[in-house]
């Protein structure tokens, strides 16, 4: 039997147990304050013949749950609201059935929210002019570059959870040799404070 867990974009932790009698989807609403796990829907506990060895959440942590099932060699889609099976996909390798035994899953590279997409010059100007307030909940409507830093739509980052922030840039493919010998350097800094004791506003 297997089990795994995954975090949603809002910080909720979802768990699939390995016990056959209690097999099913559970959640912990706020792992930083209370680690009690409760069944998402008790009617779907112990009723699904799904031996989970990996779990991930679609749509950058806002969608339904994907689990790998080594009973049936399938990727199964689980409804996050009630723990029911809503779809499945047979595992294939080079067009042939794949015998899945064990293995973990990941949400995938660059699956998080992209809250800005521009060019390097514009990005550096934006980062230099004022700090960028980051939102701990990717599913909110908060806009990091236009909303005030103490906006009620901005939420804390969940404690006890690993968070990643990425910054990527690349050279256009059509610039030719005129940039040979050119270089650019910049530093990125981060400022943090306790969310519970602050309103999110920042004073330089």
Foldseek 3Di string as FASTA:
>chain_A
DAKDWEAALQGKIWIADQDLQFGFIWIDGACVPDVDIDALASVPGNPDQFRFQEKDAPQQRPHWMWTQGQVQQWTFTAHPNHGDTDDIDADDDPRHGDRDDHDYDYRDPPSHDDLDDDAPVVVVVQCVVDHFQDAQRRPFPDRRRPDAQLDPSGHDNRPPDDDDDDDDHDDDPPPPDPCVPPDDDDDDDDDDDDPVVDSRHDDD
